Amino acid sequence: MGEEKKARIGVAAKLARPNVLELQPYRCARDDYSTGVLLDANENALGPTSLPTNSLDPYDNSNTLERYPDPYQLELKEMYSKYRGHELTAANIFVGVGSDEAIDMLMRIFCRPGKDNILTTPPTYGMYKVCAKVNDVDIVTVPLSAEFDLRIPEMLGAANSETKLMFVCSPGNPTAKAIPLDEIEQLASSSYQGILVVDEAYVDFSSKGSAIELVNKYPNVVVLQTLSKAFGLAGVRCGFAIGAPDVIQLMNNVKAPYNVNSLTSEVAINAMKNIPTLEKNIAELLDQREVVAKQLDALDFVTRVYPSDSNFLLFRLKDHAQKIYKIMADRGVVTRFRGNEMHCDGCIRVTIGKAEENQKFMDLLSATWKELSL
């Protein structure tokens, strides 16, 4: 058997669209050489017109912004795989523009427009639906229970041969609830024949573990993670897909040549060198989450504060939830009204902020309720 055929054996070759499998990826200049006198990529060797504000005085172009970045972000992948553990290597990791690029790319790789579908479990992250719509992919929905648990028999019953992707958001958004790993493994080892995508944007706030420990055991598991939440780097837009090497290779084949820029790469690499700060910030946010949860629970007009495995809380009000959300936002404290989501009637989602921000939220919430109740 030839090397090309060997490379195609696996879940990627079994499920991906034929045109994607046949794709010859764009070969960019930095695939070949990244050092020396670089006169190969039509860059401007005279240097950048400007730099980030803090690099202007004194002038610091250490990122050589006139040059294209590493197209595969190997240094970042190696650092991230080492940090996450579980015998992951750079070959298990795709780096993209947030998790959203990976969500869209998985649909483009595995779902035939107008033929295949994805399965979601509302209430859940809204981008699955948006990406499916853009890619002309149908959506099969199996709602969570009223307590935000997976309904696994119903999920497996609803999936069919055209269900190429099954999305599980854990911890969920807006539910804040992590799905136990044994349930995720139950799906991974089931009769389902597609890719199980576990979206773990908030995993670092959870004590229930990560599905990355299943990646090397189940080639049909792809885990999405990001630097936007616990790492506090939403502004650099850096996310990861962690999966079997053949799936990750297809993602690298399909992506734009230089999808992650040099500034994002530098900040992400620096973040991986600063894990103590990450851990300190997570601990502080978890402490504040407990404080806010207790304060909300003590209010007589709050009927429920849902348990949280994330950096936010979902809570239900007796009445006026949408009005309260709008009044508070107009007065400078912005939350998210989630009352239109399944099982979330009367609910508001609040991100845990700094202690003083949380107190301002609590004070304005109580004042607004009192005002509307007169």
Protein backbone atom coordinates (compact mmCIF):
# COMPACT_ATOMS: atom_id res chain seq x y z
CA MET A 1 0.00 0.00 0.00
CA GLY A 2 1.39 3.42 -1.00
CA GLU A 3 2.21 6.12 1.51
CA GLU A 4 -0.63 8.32 0.24
CA LYS A 5 -3.23 5.59 0.83
CA LYS A 6 -1.79 4.86 4.27
CA ALA A 7 -2.12 8.52 5.18
CA ARG A 8 -5.79 8.47 4.27
CA ILE A 9 -6.76 5.61 6.55
CA GLY A 10 -8.66 6.88 9.58
CA VAL A 11 -11.71 8.81 10.65
CA ALA A 12 -10.83 11.80 8.46
CA ALA A 13 -10.71 9.76 5.27
CA LYS A 14 -13.90 7.97 6.21
CA LEU A 15 -15.98 11.08 6.91
CA ALA A 16 -14.51 14.04 5.04
CA ARG A 17 -15.91 15.33 1.77
CA PRO A 18 -14.10 13.72 -1.21
CA ASN A 19 -13.11 17.09 -2.68
CA VAL A 20 -11.42 17.99 0.62
CA LEU A 21 -9.50 14.71 0.71
CA GLU A 22 -8.28 15.37 -2.83
CA LEU A 23 -7.28 18.94 -2.02
CA GLN A 24 -3.66 19.89 -2.62
CA PRO A 25 -3.10 22.49 0.11
CA TYR A 26 -1.75 25.89 -0.85
CA ARG A 27 1.99 25.89 -0.37
CA CYS A 28 3.16 29.21 1.02
CA ALA A 29 6.66 30.66 1.03
CA ARG A 30 7.26 29.92 4.71
CA ASP A 31 6.60 26.21 4.17
CA ASP A 32 10.03 26.08 2.59
CA TYR A 33 12.26 28.68 4.25
CA SER A 34 11.90 31.08 7.18
CA THR A 35 15.44 32.42 7.60
CA GLY A 36 18.04 34.01 5.36
CA VAL A 37 17.69 36.73 2.76
CA LEU A 38 13.96 36.33 2.15
CA LEU A 39 13.09 37.52 -1.34
CA ASP A 40 10.43 34.90 -2.00
CA ALA A 41 7.07 36.16 -0.67
CA ASN A 42 6.75 39.68 -2.07
CA GLU A 43 6.98 41.18 1.43
CA ASN A 44 8.09 44.76 2.06
CA ALA A 45 11.66 44.38 3.30
CA LEU A 46 11.84 48.03 4.38
CA GLY A 47 9.68 47.19 7.40
CA PRO A 48 6.24 47.99 8.80
CA THR A 49 4.53 51.36 8.50
CA SER A 50 3.65 51.21 12.19
CA LEU A 51 3.83 49.06 15.29
CA PRO A 52 1.62 48.41 18.33
CA THR A 53 1.47 51.54 20.47
CA ASN A 54 3.79 50.30 23.21
CA SER A 55 6.44 49.35 20.64
CA LEU A 56 6.72 52.78 19.01
CA ASP A 57 8.91 54.52 21.58
CA PRO A 58 11.43 53.00 21.78
CA TYR A 59 10.93 51.43 18.35
CA ASP A 60 10.74 47.64 18.69
CA ASN A 61 10.00 45.51 15.63
CA SER A 62 11.14 42.25 17.21
CA ASN A 63 8.15 40.53 15.58
CA THR A 64 9.49 41.49 12.13
CA LEU A 65 5.98 42.46 11.09
CA GLU A 66 7.05 42.89 7.48
CA ARG A 67 7.43 39.08 7.31
CA TYR A 68 4.71 36.47 7.15
CA PRO A 69 4.22 34.42 10.33
CA ASP A 70 4.82 30.71 10.82
CA PRO A 71 1.92 29.16 8.88
CA TYR A 72 1.61 26.24 11.31
CA GLN A 73 2.51 27.89 14.64
CA LEU A 74 4.74 24.99 15.63
CA GLU A 75 6.28 26.63 18.70
CA LEU A 76 2.85 27.50 20.09
CA LYS A 77 1.49 24.03 19.34
CA GLU A 78 4.39 22.37 21.11
CA MET A 79 3.96 24.56 24.18
CA TYR A 80 0.21 24.10 24.27
CA SER A 81 0.35 20.33 23.87
CA LYS A 82 2.91 20.10 26.67
CA TYR A 83 0.74 22.24 28.94
CA ARG A 84 -2.41 20.18 28.30
CA GLY A 85 -0.58 16.85 28.66
CA HIS A 86 -2.20 13.45 27.95
CA GLU A 87 0.58 12.61 25.46
CA LEU A 88 -0.59 15.24 23.01
CA THR A 89 1.85 16.45 20.35
CA ALA A 90 1.86 19.33 17.88
CA ALA A 91 0.29 16.93 15.35
CA ASN A 92 -2.85 16.84 17.54
CA ILE A 93 -3.37 20.61 17.48
CA PHE A 94 -4.82 23.09 15.02
CA VAL A 95 -4.41 26.81 15.81
CA GLY A 96 -7.07 29.16 14.53
CA VAL A 97 -8.78 32.51 14.89
CA GLY A 98 -10.65 31.69 18.08
CA SER A 99 -12.70 28.50 18.26
CA ASP A 100 -15.10 29.90 15.67
CA GLU A 101 -12.69 29.28 12.79
CA ALA A 102 -12.44 25.62 13.81
CA ILE A 103 -16.24 25.27 14.04
CA ASP A 104 -16.70 26.64 10.54
CA MET A 105 -13.80 24.62 9.15
CA LEU A 106 -15.07 21.32 10.55
CA MET A 107 -18.37 21.92 8.78
CA ARG A 108 -16.63 22.75 5.51
CA ILE A 109 -14.46 19.64 5.74
CA PHE A 110 -17.02 17.05 6.82
CA CYS A 111 -20.48 18.30 5.82
CA ARG A 112 -21.75 18.22 2.23
CA PRO A 113 -23.88 21.32 1.62
CA GLY A 114 -27.55 20.51 1.22
CA LYS A 115 -27.02 16.86 2.23
CA ASP A 116 -25.41 16.43 5.64
CA ASN A 117 -26.40 17.69 9.08
CA ILE A 118 -25.00 18.49 12.50
CA LEU A 119 -26.54 17.68 15.88
CA THR A 120 -26.73 20.27 18.65
CA THR A 121 -28.19 20.27 22.16
CA PRO A 122 -29.92 23.59 22.88
CA PRO A 123 -29.63 25.77 24.82
CA THR A 124 -26.09 26.03 23.48
CA TYR A 125 -23.54 28.25 21.75
CA GLY A 126 -25.15 30.12 18.87
CA MET A 127 -22.28 29.86 16.37
CA TYR A 128 -23.03 26.21 15.58
CA LYS A 129 -26.32 27.31 14.07
CA VAL A 130 -24.80 30.31 12.28
CA CYS A 131 -22.00 28.26 10.69
CA ALA A 132 -24.43 25.54 9.67
CA LYS A 133 -26.66 28.10 7.98
CA VAL A 134 -23.75 29.68 6.12
CA ASN A 135 -22.56 26.26 4.92
CA ASP A 136 -26.06 25.06 3.94
CA VAL A 137 -25.97 22.28 6.52
CA ASP A 138 -29.12 21.08 8.27
CA ILE A 139 -29.37 21.05 12.06
CA VAL A 140 -30.80 18.23 14.16
CA THR A 141 -31.60 19.40 17.69
CA VAL A 142 -31.94 17.28 20.80
CA PRO A 143 -32.57 19.74 23.65
CA LEU A 144 -30.91 19.30 27.01
CA SER A 145 -33.11 18.33 29.90
CA ALA A 146 -34.59 21.07 32.08
CA GLU A 147 -31.58 20.54 34.38
CA PHE A 148 -29.22 21.00 31.42
CA ASP A 149 -28.17 17.36 31.15
CA LEU A 150 -27.51 15.48 27.92
CA ARG A 151 -30.23 13.10 26.76
CA ILE A 152 -27.90 10.50 25.30
CA PRO A 153 -30.43 7.88 24.08
CA GLU A 154 -32.36 10.62 22.28
CA MET A 155 -29.16 12.02 20.76
CA LEU A 156 -28.10 8.65 19.42
CA GLY A 157 -31.59 8.02 18.15
CA ALA A 158 -31.72 11.34 16.31
CA ALA A 159 -28.31 10.98 14.63
CA ASN A 160 -28.27 9.34 11.22
CA SER A 161 -25.75 8.53 8.50
CA GLU A 162 -25.75 12.20 7.40
CA THR A 163 -24.97 13.52 10.91
CA LYS A 164 -21.30 14.26 10.41
CA LEU A 165 -20.76 16.44 13.51
CA MET A 166 -22.26 16.21 16.99
CA PHE A 167 -21.58 19.28 19.16
CA VAL A 168 -21.40 19.06 22.94
CA CYS A 169 -20.68 22.36 24.72
CA SER A 170 -19.02 21.65 28.08
CA PRO A 171 -19.17 23.72 30.20
CA GLY A 172 -22.25 24.89 28.40
CA ASN A 173 -23.14 28.36 27.26
CA PRO A 174 -25.53 29.64 28.60
CA THR A 175 -25.99 26.73 31.01
CA ALA A 176 -22.56 27.01 32.76
CA LYS A 177 -22.79 23.25 33.36
CA ALA A 178 -19.99 20.82 32.52
CA ILE A 179 -20.89 17.46 31.02
CA PRO A 180 -19.33 14.54 32.94
CA LEU A 181 -16.49 12.89 31.01
CA ASP A 182 -18.08 9.46 31.30
CA GLU A 183 -21.07 10.77 29.32
CA ILE A 184 -18.83 12.21 26.64
CA GLU A 185 -16.99 8.89 26.46
CA GLN A 186 -20.34 7.12 26.19
CA LEU A 187 -21.04 9.14 23.05
CA ALA A 188 -17.51 8.64 21.69
CA SER A 189 -17.72 4.87 22.07
CA SER A 190 -21.32 4.56 20.85
CA SER A 191 -22.76 3.56 17.49
CA TYR A 192 -22.52 7.16 16.29
CA GLN A 193 -20.31 7.23 13.21
CA GLY A 194 -19.48 10.95 12.95
CA ILE A 195 -17.16 13.41 14.69
CA LEU A 196 -17.93 14.27 18.33
CA VAL A 197 -16.96 17.93 18.83
CA VAL A 198 -16.56 18.92 22.48
CA ASP A 199 -16.47 22.70 22.85
CA GLU A 200 -14.48 23.52 25.98
CA ALA A 201 -14.11 27.30 25.87
CA TYR A 202 -14.71 27.47 29.65
CA VAL A 203 -12.98 24.23 30.71
CA ASP A 204 -10.31 25.92 32.84
CA PHE A 205 -13.00 27.08 35.29
CA SER A 206 -14.31 23.54 35.74
CA SER A 207 -13.14 20.86 38.16
CA LYS A 208 -14.65 18.07 36.06
CA GLY A 209 -11.75 17.50 33.67
CA SER A 210 -11.26 17.86 29.94
CA ALA A 211 -12.19 15.63 27.02
CA ILE A 212 -8.65 15.99 25.69
CA GLU A 213 -7.88 12.86 27.68
CA LEU A 214 -10.13 11.01 25.22
CA VAL A 215 -8.46 12.30 22.04
CA ASN A 216 -5.80 9.60 21.74
CA LYS A 217 -8.32 6.92 22.70
CA TYR A 218 -11.11 7.89 20.31
CA PRO A 219 -10.11 9.23 16.85
CA ASN A 220 -13.63 10.63 16.37
CA VAL A 221 -13.25 13.14 19.24
CA VAL A 222 -12.26 16.75 18.50
CA VAL A 223 -11.94 19.19 21.40
CA LEU A 224 -12.18 22.96 20.95
CA GLN A 225 -10.40 25.29 23.38
CA THR A 226 -9.49 28.97 23.41
CA LEU A 227 -7.33 31.64 25.00
CA SER A 228 -10.31 34.00 25.15
CA LYS A 229 -11.69 33.02 28.54
CA ALA A 230 -9.45 31.85 31.39
CA PHE A 231 -6.30 33.15 29.68
CA GLY A 232 -7.95 36.58 29.36
CA LEU A 233 -6.90 37.03 25.72
CA ALA A 234 -10.18 37.53 23.87
CA GLY A 235 -8.63 40.41 21.95
CA VAL A 236 -5.98 38.32 20.20
CA ARG A 237 -8.47 35.74 18.82
CA CYS A 238 -6.59 32.49 19.32
CA GLY A 239 -8.23 29.09 19.63
CA PHE A 240 -7.36 25.43 19.24
CA ALA A 241 -8.83 22.23 17.87
CA ILE A 242 -7.34 19.11 19.44
CA GLY A 243 -7.92 15.81 17.68
CA ALA A 244 -6.52 12.88 15.76
CA PRO A 245 -3.57 13.83 13.51
CA ASP A 246 -5.43 12.95 10.30
CA VAL A 247 -8.29 15.29 11.23
CA ILE A 248 -5.88 18.07 12.21
CA GLN A 249 -3.94 17.61 8.96
CA LEU A 250 -7.10 18.19 6.94
CA MET A 251 -7.78 21.35 8.92
CA ASN A 252 -4.25 22.55 8.15
CA ASN A 253 -4.80 21.75 4.48
CA VAL A 254 -8.01 23.78 4.31
CA LYS A 255 -7.06 26.82 6.40
CA ALA A 256 -5.86 30.10 4.94
CA PRO A 257 -2.04 30.14 4.54
CA TYR A 258 -1.27 32.53 7.43
CA ASN A 259 -4.44 32.41 9.50
CA VAL A 260 -2.79 33.35 12.83
CA ASN A 261 -0.86 36.62 12.83
CA SER A 262 2.54 37.30 14.43
CA LEU A 263 1.19 39.52 17.20
CA THR A 264 -1.36 36.91 18.27
CA SER A 265 1.32 34.23 18.14
CA GLU A 266 3.72 36.22 20.34
CA VAL A 267 1.08 36.95 22.97
CA ALA A 268 -0.12 33.33 22.97
CA ILE A 269 3.43 32.01 23.41
CA ASN A 270 4.05 34.48 26.23
CA ALA A 271 0.82 33.29 27.88
CA MET A 272 2.09 29.72 27.84
CA LYS A 273 5.17 30.96 29.71
CA ASN A 274 3.02 32.63 32.36
CA ILE A 275 0.85 29.83 33.74
CA PRO A 276 1.16 31.06 37.37
CA THR A 277 -0.74 34.22 36.41
CA LEU A 278 -3.39 32.09 34.69
CA GLU A 279 -3.82 29.98 37.82
CA LYS A 280 -3.97 33.04 40.08
CA ASN A 281 -6.63 34.69 37.93
CA ILE A 282 -8.72 31.53 37.75
CA ALA A 283 -8.63 31.17 41.54
CA GLU A 284 -9.70 34.79 42.00
CA LEU A 285 -12.58 34.44 39.55
CA LEU A 286 -13.76 31.23 41.19
CA ASP A 287 -13.72 32.95 44.59
CA GLN A 288 -15.75 35.83 43.19
CA ARG A 289 -18.14 33.39 41.50
CA GLU A 290 -18.95 31.92 44.91
CA VAL A 291 -19.43 35.39 46.42
CA VAL A 292 -21.82 36.52 43.67
CA ALA A 293 -23.73 33.22 43.68
CA LYS A 294 -24.36 33.52 47.42
CA GLN A 295 -25.44 37.14 47.10
CA LEU A 296 -27.84 36.33 44.27
CA ASP A 297 -29.24 33.37 46.15
CA ALA A 298 -30.04 35.61 49.12
CA LEU A 299 -32.27 37.91 47.04
CA ASP A 300 -35.97 37.17 47.38
CA PHE A 301 -36.67 38.12 43.76
CA VAL A 302 -34.13 35.61 42.42
CA THR A 303 -35.85 32.25 42.17
CA ARG A 304 -32.83 30.19 41.11
CA VAL A 305 -29.09 30.47 40.72
CA TYR A 306 -27.84 27.61 38.59
CA PRO A 307 -24.63 25.79 39.59
CA SER A 308 -21.67 26.95 37.54
CA ASP A 309 -18.57 25.28 36.15
CA SER A 310 -17.65 28.43 34.29
CA ASN A 311 -16.80 32.11 34.76
CA PHE A 312 -20.42 33.19 34.65
CA LEU A 313 -23.70 32.55 36.43
CA LEU A 314 -27.15 31.93 35.02
CA PHE A 315 -29.96 33.02 37.33
CA ARG A 316 -33.75 33.36 37.11
CA LEU A 317 -35.82 36.31 38.30
CA LYS A 318 -39.40 36.28 39.53
CA ASP A 319 -40.35 38.85 36.90
CA HIS A 320 -39.14 41.73 34.73
CA ALA A 321 -35.96 39.93 33.58
CA GLN A 322 -35.77 41.57 30.17
CA LYS A 323 -36.66 45.00 31.52
CA ILE A 324 -34.08 44.69 34.27
CA TYR A 325 -31.42 43.64 31.79
CA LYS A 326 -32.19 46.64 29.55
CA ILE A 327 -32.36 49.22 32.35
CA MET A 328 -29.12 47.98 33.87
CA ALA A 329 -27.36 48.02 30.50
CA ASP A 330 -28.53 51.58 29.84
CA ARG A 331 -27.13 52.53 33.24
CA GLY A 332 -23.72 51.02 32.56
CA VAL A 333 -23.83 47.42 33.83
CA VAL A 334 -24.20 45.06 30.89
CA THR A 335 -25.26 41.42 31.28
CA ARG A 336 -27.00 39.09 28.80
CA PHE A 337 -30.73 38.37 28.76
CA ARG A 338 -31.13 34.66 28.03
CA GLY A 339 -34.87 34.36 28.51
CA ASN A 340 -35.43 33.46 24.85
CA GLU A 341 -33.29 30.34 25.13
CA MET A 342 -34.81 26.92 25.81
CA HIS A 343 -35.31 26.22 29.54
CA CYS A 344 -34.04 29.73 30.34
CA ASP A 345 -37.25 31.72 30.70
CA GLY A 346 -36.73 34.70 32.99
CA CYS A 347 -32.98 34.16 33.06
CA ILE A 348 -30.03 36.54 32.94
CA ARG A 349 -26.41 35.49 32.42
CA VAL A 350 -23.77 37.50 34.26
CA THR A 351 -20.03 37.20 33.75
CA ILE A 352 -17.93 37.22 36.91
CA GLY A 353 -15.80 40.37 36.85
CA LYS A 354 -13.54 42.17 39.28
CA ALA A 355 -14.80 42.44 42.87
CA GLU A 356 -15.80 46.08 42.43
CA GLU A 357 -17.61 45.32 39.16
CA ASN A 358 -19.50 42.47 40.78
CA GLN A 359 -20.58 44.71 43.64
CA LYS A 360 -21.76 47.37 41.23
CA PHE A 361 -23.79 44.71 39.43
CA MET A 362 -25.37 43.51 42.66
CA ASP A 363 -26.20 47.02 43.84
CA LEU A 364 -27.80 48.03 40.54
CA LEU A 365 -29.71 44.75 40.25
CA SER A 366 -31.33 45.29 43.65
CA ALA A 367 -32.04 48.95 42.97
CA THR A 368 -33.60 48.19 39.57
CA TRP A 369 -35.83 45.47 41.00
CA LYS A 370 -36.97 47.81 43.78
CA GLU A 371 -37.71 50.53 41.24
CA LEU A 372 -39.82 48.24 39.05
CA SER A 373 -41.67 46.82 42.05
CA LEU A 374 -42.98 50.14 43.35
